[in-house]
Amino acid sequence: PIEKLPPGPVPGDPFSFRIGTLNILGSQHKSGGTSRASA
């Protein structure tokens, strides 16, 4: 018999993610602004 897969998320379910905040230090304040932004 084919095993039924558990149902996925549906509208109304709780959901999770990772959130952040980052001041990247603008190019006018320190050299290497683009390479720092890439990093």
Full PDB file with SEQRES, HELIX, SHEET, SSBOND, CRYST1, ORIGX, SCALE, CONECT and MASTER records, all heavy atoms in Angstrom:
SEQRES   1 A   39  PRO ILE GLU LYS LEU PRO PRO GLY PRO VAL PRO GLY ASP          
SEQRES   2 A   39  PRO PHE SER PHE ARG ILE GLY THR LEU ASN ILE LEU GLY          
SEQRES   3 A   39  SER GLN HIS LYS SER GLY GLY THR SER ARG ALA SER ALA          
HELIX    1 AA1 GLY A   33  SER A   38  1                                   6    
CRYST1    1.000    1.000    1.000  90.00  90.00  90.00 P 1           1          
ORIGX1      1.000000  0.000000  0.000000        0.00000                         
ORIGX2      0.000000  1.000000  0.000000        0.00000                         
ORIGX3      0.000000  0.000000  1.000000        0.00000                         
SCALE1      1.000000  0.000000  0.000000        0.00000                         
SCALE2      0.000000  1.000000  0.000000        0.00000                         
SCALE3      0.000000  0.000000  1.000000        0.00000                         
ATOM      1  N   PRO A   1       0.839  -1.210   0.000  1.00  0.00           N  
ATOM      2  CA  PRO A   1       0.000   0.000   0.000  1.00  0.00           C  
ATOM      3  C   PRO A   1       0.867   1.250   0.000  1.00  0.00           C  
ATOM      4  O   PRO A   1       1.940   1.283   0.603  1.00  0.00           O  
ATOM      5  CB  PRO A   1      -0.794  -0.117   1.309  1.00  0.00           C  
ATOM      6  CG  PRO A   1       0.005  -1.047   2.160  1.00  0.00           C  
ATOM      7  CD  PRO A   1       0.680  -2.004   1.211  1.00  0.00           C  
ATOM      8  N   ILE A   2       0.439   2.295  -0.709  1.00  0.00           N  
ATOM      9  CA  ILE A   2       1.175   3.552  -0.781  1.00  0.00           C  
ATOM     10  C   ILE A   2       1.036   4.293   0.545  1.00  0.00           C  
ATOM     11  O   ILE A   2      -0.067   4.514   1.035  1.00  0.00           O  
ATOM     12  CB  ILE A   2       0.638   4.422  -1.929  1.00  0.00           C  
ATOM     13  CG1 ILE A   2       0.830   3.695  -3.263  1.00  0.00           C  
ATOM     14  CG2 ILE A   2       1.330   5.779  -1.951  1.00  0.00           C  
ATOM     15  CD1 ILE A   2       0.214   4.418  -4.434  1.00  0.00           C  
ATOM     16  N   GLU A   3       2.179   4.659   1.121  1.00  0.00           N  
ATOM     17  CA  GLU A   3       2.160   5.379   2.391  1.00  0.00           C  
ATOM     18  C   GLU A   3       1.754   6.829   2.175  1.00  0.00           C  
ATOM     19  O   GLU A   3       2.315   7.516   1.331  1.00  0.00           O  
ATOM     20  CB  GLU A   3       3.542   5.330   3.038  1.00  0.00           C  
ATOM     21  CG  GLU A   3       3.594   5.992   4.399  1.00  0.00           C  
ATOM     22  CD  GLU A   3       4.969   5.902   5.030  1.00  0.00           C  
ATOM     23  OE1 GLU A   3       5.846   5.241   4.437  1.00  0.00           O  
ATOM     24  OE2 GLU A   3       5.165   6.506   6.099  1.00  0.00           O  
ATOM     25  N   LYS A   4       0.775   7.294   2.911  1.00  0.00           N  
ATOM     26  CA  LYS A   4       0.319   8.673   2.787  1.00  0.00           C  
ATOM     27  C   LYS A   4       1.335   9.608   3.422  1.00  0.00           C  
ATOM     28  O   LYS A   4       1.810   9.384   4.528  1.00  0.00           O  
ATOM     29  CB  LYS A   4      -1.039   8.849   3.456  1.00  0.00           C  
ATOM     30  CG  LYS A   4      -2.171   8.087   2.786  1.00  0.00           C  
ATOM     31  CD  LYS A   4      -3.488   8.357   3.471  1.00  0.00           C  
ATOM     32  CE  LYS A   4      -3.924   9.795   3.307  1.00  0.00           C  
ATOM     33  NZ  LYS A   4      -5.261  10.053   3.878  1.00  0.00           N  
ATOM     34  N   LEU A   5       1.686  10.661   2.691  1.00  0.00           N  
ATOM     35  CA  LEU A   5       2.604  11.651   3.212  1.00  0.00           C  
ATOM     36  C   LEU A   5       1.879  12.589   4.176  1.00  0.00           C  
ATOM     37  O   LEU A   5       0.690  12.863   3.999  1.00  0.00           O  
ATOM     38  CB  LEU A   5       3.216  12.463   2.061  1.00  0.00           C  
ATOM     39  CG  LEU A   5       4.070  11.667   1.073  1.00  0.00           C  
ATOM     40  CD1 LEU A   5       4.511  12.583  -0.076  1.00  0.00           C  
ATOM     41  CD2 LEU A   5       5.277  11.068   1.753  1.00  0.00           C  
ATOM     42  N   PRO A   6       2.579  13.050   5.218  1.00  0.00           N  
ATOM     43  CA  PRO A   6       1.912  13.994   6.125  1.00  0.00           C  
ATOM     44  C   PRO A   6       1.564  15.280   5.388  1.00  0.00           C  
ATOM     45  O   PRO A   6       2.272  15.696   4.474  1.00  0.00           O  
ATOM     46  CB  PRO A   6       2.992  14.250   7.197  1.00  0.00           C  
ATOM     47  CG  PRO A   6       4.281  13.898   6.536  1.00  0.00           C  
ATOM     48  CD  PRO A   6       3.960  12.781   5.573  1.00  0.00           C  
ATOM     49  N   PRO A   7       0.467  15.908   5.738  1.00  0.00           N  
ATOM     50  CA  PRO A   7       0.067  17.142   5.048  1.00  0.00           C  
ATOM     51  C   PRO A   7       1.051  18.264   5.315  1.00  0.00           C  
ATOM     52  O   PRO A   7       1.684  18.324   6.366  1.00  0.00           O  
ATOM     53  CB  PRO A   7      -1.308  17.446   5.663  1.00  0.00           C  
ATOM     54  CG  PRO A   7      -1.282  16.780   7.002  1.00  0.00           C  
ATOM     55  CD  PRO A   7      -0.455  15.534   6.821  1.00  0.00           C  
ATOM     56  N   GLY A   8       1.227  19.151   4.339  1.00  0.00           N  
ATOM     57  CA  GLY A   8       2.106  20.302   4.497  1.00  0.00           C  
ATOM     58  C   GLY A   8       1.403  21.430   5.218  1.00  0.00           C  
ATOM     59  O   GLY A   8       0.259  21.297   5.658  1.00  0.00           O  
ATOM     60  N   PRO A   9       2.091  22.563   5.364  1.00  0.00           N  
ATOM     61  CA  PRO A   9       1.468  23.710   6.023  1.00  0.00           C  
ATOM     62  C   PRO A   9       0.210  24.156   5.284  1.00  0.00           C  
ATOM     63  O   PRO A   9       0.129  24.057   4.058  1.00  0.00           O  
ATOM     64  CB  PRO A   9       2.550  24.790   5.952  1.00  0.00           C  
ATOM     65  CG  PRO A   9       3.826  24.048   5.741  1.00  0.00           C  
ATOM     66  CD  PRO A   9       3.458  22.840   4.939  1.00  0.00           C  
ATOM     67  N   VAL A  10      -0.757  24.630   6.028  1.00  0.00           N  
ATOM     68  CA  VAL A  10      -2.007  25.114   5.449  1.00  0.00           C  
ATOM     69  C   VAL A  10      -2.276  26.512   5.990  1.00  0.00           C  
ATOM     70  O   VAL A  10      -1.692  26.925   7.002  1.00  0.00           O  
ATOM     71  CB  VAL A  10      -3.189  24.179   5.789  1.00  0.00           C  
ATOM     72  CG1 VAL A  10      -2.963  22.796   5.209  1.00  0.00           C  
ATOM     73  CG2 VAL A  10      -3.376  24.088   7.307  1.00  0.00           C  
ATOM     74  N   PRO A  11      -3.132  27.278   5.324  1.00  0.00           N  
ATOM     75  CA  PRO A  11      -3.445  28.619   5.810  1.00  0.00           C  
ATOM     76  C   PRO A  11      -3.874  28.623   7.272  1.00  0.00           C  
ATOM     77  O   PRO A  11      -4.695  27.813   7.703  1.00  0.00           O  
ATOM     78  CB  PRO A  11      -4.593  29.057   4.887  1.00  0.00           C  
ATOM     79  CG  PRO A  11      -4.304  28.343   3.607  1.00  0.00           C  
ATOM     80  CD  PRO A  11      -3.780  26.992   4.024  1.00  0.00           C  
ATOM     81  N   GLY A  12      -3.287  29.521   8.024  1.00  0.00           N  
ATOM     82  CA  GLY A  12      -3.589  29.620   9.443  1.00  0.00           C  
ATOM     83  C   GLY A  12      -2.571  28.967  10.347  1.00  0.00           C  
ATOM     84  O   GLY A  12      -2.557  29.222  11.553  1.00  0.00           O  
ATOM     85  N   ASP A  13      -1.702  28.094   9.794  1.00  0.00           N  
ATOM     86  CA  ASP A  13      -0.670  27.463  10.608  1.00  0.00           C  
ATOM     87  C   ASP A  13       0.378  28.493  11.031  1.00  0.00           C  
ATOM     88  O   ASP A  13       0.666  29.435  10.288  1.00  0.00           O  
ATOM     89  CB  ASP A  13       0.036  26.362   9.816  1.00  0.00           C  
ATOM     90  CG  ASP A  13      -0.764  25.062   9.779  1.00  0.00           C  
ATOM     91  OD1 ASP A  13      -1.809  25.004  10.456  1.00  0.00           O  
ATOM     92  OD2 ASP A  13      -0.333  24.131   9.082  1.00  0.00           O  
ATOM     93  N   PRO A  14       0.997  28.313  12.202  1.00  0.00           N  
ATOM     94  CA  PRO A  14       2.140  29.150  12.560  1.00  0.00           C  
ATOM     95  C   PRO A  14       3.296  28.904  11.585  1.00  0.00           C  
ATOM     96  O   PRO A  14       3.397  27.840  10.976  1.00  0.00           O  
ATOM     97  CB  PRO A  14       2.506  28.672  13.977  1.00  0.00           C  
ATOM     98  CG  PRO A  14       1.272  28.006  14.482  1.00  0.00           C  
ATOM     99  CD  PRO A  14       0.608  27.392  13.283  1.00  0.00           C  
ATOM    100  N   PHE A  15       4.163  29.880  11.414  1.00  0.00           N  
ATOM    101  CA  PHE A  15       5.332  29.717  10.566  1.00  0.00           C  
ATOM    102  C   PHE A  15       6.517  30.416  11.215  1.00  0.00           C  
ATOM    103  O   PHE A  15       6.346  31.292  12.067  1.00  0.00           O  
ATOM    104  CB  PHE A  15       5.090  30.269   9.155  1.00  0.00           C  
ATOM    105  CG  PHE A  15       4.757  31.729   9.103  1.00  0.00           C  
ATOM    106  CD1 PHE A  15       5.745  32.687   8.891  1.00  0.00           C  
ATOM    107  CD2 PHE A  15       3.444  32.163   9.250  1.00  0.00           C  
ATOM    108  CE1 PHE A  15       5.433  34.043   8.835  1.00  0.00           C  
ATOM    109  CE2 PHE A  15       3.122  33.512   9.199  1.00  0.00           C  
ATOM    110  CZ  PHE A  15       4.126  34.456   8.988  1.00  0.00           C  
ATOM    111  N   SER A  16       7.715  30.008  10.814  1.00  0.00           N  
ATOM    112  CA  SER A  16       8.934  30.514  11.441  1.00  0.00           C  
ATOM    113  C   SER A  16       9.912  31.021  10.392  1.00  0.00           C  
ATOM    114  O   SER A  16       9.894  30.580   9.242  1.00  0.00           O  
ATOM    115  CB  SER A  16       9.605  29.405  12.268  1.00  0.00           C  
ATOM    116  OG  SER A  16       8.754  28.945  13.291  1.00  0.00           O  
ATOM    117  N   PHE A  17      10.780  31.932  10.819  1.00  0.00           N  
ATOM    118  CA  PHE A  17      11.858  32.408   9.969  1.00  0.00           C  
ATOM    119  C   PHE A  17      12.907  33.073  10.854  1.00  0.00           C  
ATOM    120  O   PHE A  17      12.732  33.215  12.074  1.00  0.00           O  
ATOM    121  CB  PHE A  17      11.348  33.384   8.897  1.00  0.00           C  
ATOM    122  CG  PHE A  17      10.598  34.572   9.430  1.00  0.00           C  
ATOM    123  CD1 PHE A  17      11.265  35.739   9.789  1.00  0.00           C  
ATOM    124  CD2 PHE A  17       9.208  34.537   9.562  1.00  0.00           C  
ATOM    125  CE1 PHE A  17      10.573  36.841  10.279  1.00  0.00           C  
ATOM    126  CE2 PHE A  17       8.509  35.625  10.046  1.00  0.00           C  
ATOM    127  CZ  PHE A  17       9.189  36.783  10.402  1.00  0.00           C  
ATOM    128  N   ARG A  18      14.010  33.486  10.236  1.00  0.00           N  
ATOM    129  CA  ARG A  18      15.076  34.186  10.953  1.00  0.00           C  
ATOM    130  C   ARG A  18      15.117  35.628  10.458  1.00  0.00           C  
ATOM    131  O   ARG A  18      15.182  35.870   9.252  1.00  0.00           O  
ATOM    132  CB  ARG A  18      16.413  33.487  10.729  1.00  0.00           C  
ATOM    133  CG  ARG A  18      17.573  34.059  11.544  1.00  0.00           C  
ATOM    134  CD  ARG A  18      18.742  33.093  11.565  1.00  0.00           C  
ATOM    135  NE  ARG A  18      18.394  31.903  12.340  1.00  0.00           N  
ATOM    136  CZ  ARG A  18      19.184  30.832  12.431  1.00  0.00           C  
ATOM    137  NH1 ARG A  18      20.340  30.804  11.789  1.00  0.00           N  
ATOM    138  NH2 ARG A  18      18.793  29.796  13.164  1.00  0.00           N  
ATOM    139  N   ILE A  19      15.115  36.562  11.390  1.00  0.00           N  
ATOM    140  CA  ILE A  19      15.082  37.985  11.057  1.00  0.00           C  
ATOM    141  C   ILE A  19      16.308  38.665  11.651  1.00  0.00           C  
ATOM    142  O   ILE A  19      16.799  38.259  12.718  1.00  0.00           O  
ATOM    143  CB  ILE A  19      13.773  38.633  11.568  1.00  0.00           C  
ATOM    144  CG1 ILE A  19      13.647  40.070  11.064  1.00  0.00           C  
ATOM    145  CG2 ILE A  19      13.646  38.545  13.086  1.00  0.00           C  
ATOM    146  CD1 ILE A  19      12.261  40.678  11.331  1.00  0.00           C  
ATOM    147  N   GLY A  20      16.820  39.698  10.965  1.00  0.00           N  
ATOM    148  CA  GLY A  20      18.017  40.365  11.447  1.00  0.00           C  
ATOM    149  C   GLY A  20      18.024  41.849  11.140  1.00  0.00           C  
ATOM    150  O   GLY A  20      17.199  42.355  10.370  1.00  0.00           O  
ATOM    151  N   THR A  21      18.983  42.558  11.740  1.00  0.00           N  
ATOM    152  CA  THR A  21      19.228  43.964  11.445  1.00  0.00           C  
ATOM    153  C   THR A  21      20.733  44.173  11.380  1.00  0.00           C  
ATOM    154  O   THR A  21      21.487  43.610  12.191  1.00  0.00           O  
ATOM    155  CB  THR A  21      18.589  44.890  12.500  1.00  0.00           C  
ATOM    156  OG1 THR A  21      18.809  46.252  12.128  1.00  0.00           O  
ATOM    157  CG2 THR A  21      19.135  44.652  13.888  1.00  0.00           C  
ATOM    158  N   LEU A  22      21.196  44.983  10.381  1.00  0.00           N  
ATOM    159  CA  LEU A  22      22.627  45.132  10.150  1.00  0.00           C  
ATOM    160  C   LEU A  22      22.936  46.499   9.543  1.00  0.00           C  
ATOM    161  O   LEU A  22      22.481  46.812   8.443  1.00  0.00           O  
ATOM    162  CB  LEU A  22      23.098  44.018   9.206  1.00  0.00           C  
ATOM    163  CG  LEU A  22      24.578  44.014   8.818  1.00  0.00           C  
ATOM    164  CD1 LEU A  22      25.474  43.899  10.046  1.00  0.00           C  
ATOM    165  CD2 LEU A  22      24.859  42.885   7.836  1.00  0.00           C  
ATOM    166  N   ASN A  23      23.685  47.282  10.272  1.00  0.00           N  
ATOM    167  CA  ASN A  23      24.241  48.525   9.741  1.00  0.00           C  
ATOM    168  C   ASN A  23      25.544  48.162   9.028  1.00  0.00           C  
ATOM    169  O   ASN A  23      26.513  47.732   9.664  1.00  0.00           O  
ATOM    170  CB  ASN A  23      24.506  49.520  10.877  1.00  0.00           C  
ATOM    171  CG  ASN A  23      24.984  50.874  10.375  1.00  0.00           C  
ATOM    172  OD1 ASN A  23      25.778  50.971   9.449  1.00  0.00           O  
ATOM    173  ND2 ASN A  23      24.500  51.936  11.021  1.00  0.00           N  
ATOM    174  N   ILE A  24      25.587  48.332   7.706  1.00  0.00           N  
ATOM    175  CA  ILE A  24      26.705  47.805   6.924  1.00  0.00           C  
ATOM    176  C   ILE A  24      27.892  48.769   6.858  1.00  0.00           C  
ATOM    177  O   ILE A  24      28.907  48.429   6.242  1.00  0.00           O  
ATOM    178  CB  ILE A  24      26.262  47.421   5.500  1.00  0.00           C  
ATOM    179  CG1 ILE A  24      25.949  48.651   4.654  1.00  0.00           C  
ATOM    180  CG2 ILE A  24      25.075  46.468   5.545  1.00  0.00           C  
ATOM    181  CD1 ILE A  24      25.759  48.334   3.182  1.00  0.00           C  
ATOM    182  N   LEU A  25      27.786  49.962   7.483  1.00  0.00           N  
ATOM    183  CA  LEU A  25      28.833  50.985   7.474  1.00  0.00           C  
ATOM    184  C   LEU A  25      29.082  51.474   6.053  1.00  0.00           C  
ATOM    185  O   LEU A  25      29.754  50.843   5.242  1.00  0.00           O  
ATOM    186  CB  LEU A  25      30.140  50.444   8.081  1.00  0.00           C  
ATOM    187  CG  LEU A  25      31.268  51.475   8.256  1.00  0.00           C  
ATOM    188  CD1 LEU A  25      30.845  52.630   9.150  1.00  0.00           C  
ATOM    189  CD2 LEU A  25      32.520  50.804   8.812  1.00  0.00           C  
ATOM    190  N   GLY A  26      28.484  52.621   5.755  1.00  0.00           N  
ATOM    191  CA  GLY A  26      28.493  53.155   4.397  1.00  0.00           C  
ATOM    192  C   GLY A  26      29.875  53.423   3.837  1.00  0.00           C  
ATOM    193  O   GLY A  26      30.846  53.636   4.578  1.00  0.00           O  
ATOM    194  N   SER A  27      29.945  53.411   2.510  1.00  0.00           N  
ATOM    195  CA  SER A  27      31.220  53.637   1.813  1.00  0.00           C  
ATOM    196  C   SER A  27      31.833  54.985   2.157  1.00  0.00           C  
ATOM    197  O   SER A  27      33.061  55.152   2.086  1.00  0.00           O  
ATOM    198  CB  SER A  27      30.999  53.556   0.301  1.00  0.00           C  
ATOM    199  OG  SER A  27      30.523  52.293  -0.075  1.00  0.00           O  
ATOM    200  N   GLN A  28      31.005  55.988   2.540  1.00  0.00           N  
ATOM    201  CA  GLN A  28      31.529  57.309   2.858  1.00  0.00           C  
ATOM    202  C   GLN A  28      32.238  57.328   4.208  1.00  0.00           C  
ATOM    203  O   GLN A  28      32.974  58.271   4.519  1.00  0.00           O  
ATOM    204  CB  GLN A  28      30.401  58.349   2.823  1.00  0.00           C  
ATOM    205  CG  GLN A  28      29.528  58.405   4.060  1.00  0.00           C  
ATOM    206  CD  GLN A  28      28.398  57.371   4.040  1.00  0.00           C  
ATOM    207  OE1 GLN A  28      28.500  56.330   3.402  1.00  0.00           O  
ATOM    208  NE2 GLN A  28      27.317  57.701   4.748  1.00  0.00           N  
ATOM    209  N   HIS A  29      32.025  56.290   5.020  1.00  0.00           N  
ATOM    210  CA  HIS A  29      32.632  56.250   6.349  1.00  0.00           C  
ATOM    211  C   HIS A  29      33.931  55.450   6.394  1.00  0.00           C  
ATOM    212  O   HIS A  29      34.792  55.693   7.253  1.00  0.00           O  
ATOM    213  CB  HIS A  29      31.660  55.638   7.366  1.00  0.00           C  
ATOM    214  CG  HIS A  29      30.435  56.457   7.587  1.00  0.00           C  
ATOM    215  ND1 HIS A  29      30.474  57.795   7.915  1.00  0.00           N  
ATOM    216  CD2 HIS A  29      29.113  56.124   7.520  1.00  0.00           C  
ATOM    217  CE1 HIS A  29      29.236  58.261   8.061  1.00  0.00           C  
ATOM    218  NE2 HIS A  29      28.385  57.262   7.815  1.00  0.00           N  
ATOM    219  N   LYS A  30      34.076  54.478   5.482  1.00  0.00           N  
ATOM    220  CA  LYS A  30      35.259  53.616   5.504  1.00  0.00           C  
ATOM    221  C   LYS A  30      35.492  53.064   4.105  1.00  0.00           C  
ATOM    222  O   LYS A  30      34.543  52.756   3.385  1.00  0.00           O  
ATOM    223  CB  LYS A  30      35.058  52.465   6.505  1.00  0.00           C  
ATOM    224  CG  LYS A  30      36.257  51.541   6.655  1.00  0.00           C  
ATOM    225  CD  LYS A  30      35.966  50.438   7.677  1.00  0.00           C  
ATOM    226  CE  LYS A  30      37.153  49.495   7.797  1.00  0.00           C  
ATOM    227  NZ  LYS A  30      36.893  48.410   8.781  1.00  0.00           N  
ATOM    228  N   SER A  31      36.750  52.957   3.723  1.00  0.00           N  
ATOM    229  CA  SER A  31      37.089  52.463   2.384  1.00  0.00           C  
ATOM    230  C   SER A  31      36.697  50.994   2.227  1.00  0.00           C  
ATOM    231  O   SER A  31      36.419  50.303   3.213  1.00  0.00           O  
ATOM    232  CB  SER A  31      38.589  52.615   2.131  1.00  0.00           C  
ATOM    233  OG  SER A  31      39.327  51.831   3.051  1.00  0.00           O  
ATOM    234  N   GLY A  32      36.719  50.548   0.977  1.00  0.00           N  
ATOM    235  CA  GLY A  32      36.380  49.155   0.694  1.00  0.00           C  
ATOM    236  C   GLY A  32      34.903  48.862   0.868  1.00  0.00           C  
ATOM    237  O   GLY A  32      34.518  47.742   1.233  1.00  0.00           O  
ATOM    238  N   GLY A  33      34.069  49.862   0.583  1.00  0.00           N  
ATOM    239  CA  GLY A  33      32.634  49.694   0.814  1.00  0.00           C  
ATOM    240  C   GLY A  33      32.015  48.549   0.029  1.00  0.00           C  
ATOM    241  O   GLY A  33      31.168  47.812   0.555  1.00  0.00           O  
ATOM    242  N   THR A  34      32.416  48.363  -1.219  1.00  0.00           N  
ATOM    243  CA  THR A  34      31.802  47.305  -2.033  1.00  0.00           C  
ATOM    244  C   THR A  34      32.265  45.916  -1.598  1.00  0.00           C  
ATOM    245  O   THR A  34      31.466  44.974  -1.547  1.00  0.00           O  
ATOM    246  CB  THR A  34      32.109  47.527  -3.521  1.00  0.00           C  
ATOM    247  OG1 THR A  34      33.524  47.631  -3.720  1.00  0.00           O  
ATOM    248  CG2 THR A  34      31.433  48.792  -4.027  1.00  0.00           C  
ATOM    249  N   SER A  35      33.561  45.797  -1.299  1.00  0.00           N  
ATOM    250  CA  SER A  35      34.043  44.485  -0.850  1.00  0.00           C  
ATOM    251  C   SER A  35      33.453  44.136   0.509  1.00  0.00           C  
ATOM    252  O   SER A  35      33.126  42.971   0.786  1.00  0.00           O  
ATOM    253  CB  SER A  35      35.571  44.457  -0.795  1.00  0.00           C  
ATOM    254  OG  SER A  35      36.066  45.426   0.115  1.00  0.00           O  
ATOM    255  N   ARG A  36      33.271  45.122   1.368  1.00  0.00           N  
ATOM    256  CA  ARG A  36      32.637  44.869   2.662  1.00  0.00           C  
ATOM    257  C   ARG A  36      31.167  44.486   2.477  1.00  0.00           C  
ATOM    258  O   ARG A  36      30.663  43.589   3.164  1.00  0.00           O  
ATOM    259  CB  ARG A  36      32.765  46.107   3.560  1.00  0.00           C  
ATOM    260  CG  ARG A  36      34.195  46.371   4.002  1.00  0.00           C  
ATOM    261  CD  ARG A  36      34.300  47.482   5.044  1.00  0.00           C  
ATOM    262  NE  ARG A  36      34.000  48.804   4.503  1.00  0.00           N  
ATOM    263  CZ  ARG A  36      32.863  49.455   4.654  1.00  0.00           C  
ATOM    264  NH1 ARG A  36      31.871  48.904   5.352  1.00  0.00           N  
ATOM    265  NH2 ARG A  36      32.687  50.665   4.136  1.00  0.00           N  
ATOM    266  N   ALA A  37      30.491  45.148   1.554  1.00  0.00           N  
ATOM    267  CA  ALA A  37      29.093  44.801   1.285  1.00  0.00           C  
ATOM    268  C   ALA A  37      28.983  43.371   0.762  1.00  0.00           C  
ATOM    269  O   ALA A  37      28.054  42.626   1.120  1.00  0.00           O  
ATOM    270  CB  ALA A  37      28.496  45.781   0.276  1.00  0.00           C  
ATOM    271  N   SER A  38      29.930  42.954  -0.090  1.00  0.00           N  
ATOM    272  CA  SER A  38      29.928  41.594  -0.607  1.00  0.00           C  
ATOM    273  C   SER A  38      30.117  40.576   0.522  1.00  0.00           C  
ATOM    274  O   SER A  38      29.428  39.550   0.579  1.00  0.00           O  
ATOM    275  CB  SER A  38      31.031  41.435  -1.657  1.00  0.00           C  
ATOM    276  OG  SER A  38      31.080  40.114  -2.151  1.00  0.00           O  
ATOM    277  N   ALA A  39      31.057  40.882   1.429  1.00  0.00           N  
ATOM    278  CA  ALA A  39      31.292  39.981   2.561  1.00  0.00           C  
ATOM    279  C   ALA A  39      30.057  39.885   3.450  1.00  0.00           C  
ATOM    280  O   ALA A  39      29.701  38.797   3.941  1.00  0.00           O  
ATOM    281  CB  ALA A  39      32.497  40.467   3.363  1.00  0.00           C  
TER     282      ALA A  39                                                      
MASTER        0    0    0    1    0    0    0    6  281    1    0    3          
END                                                                             
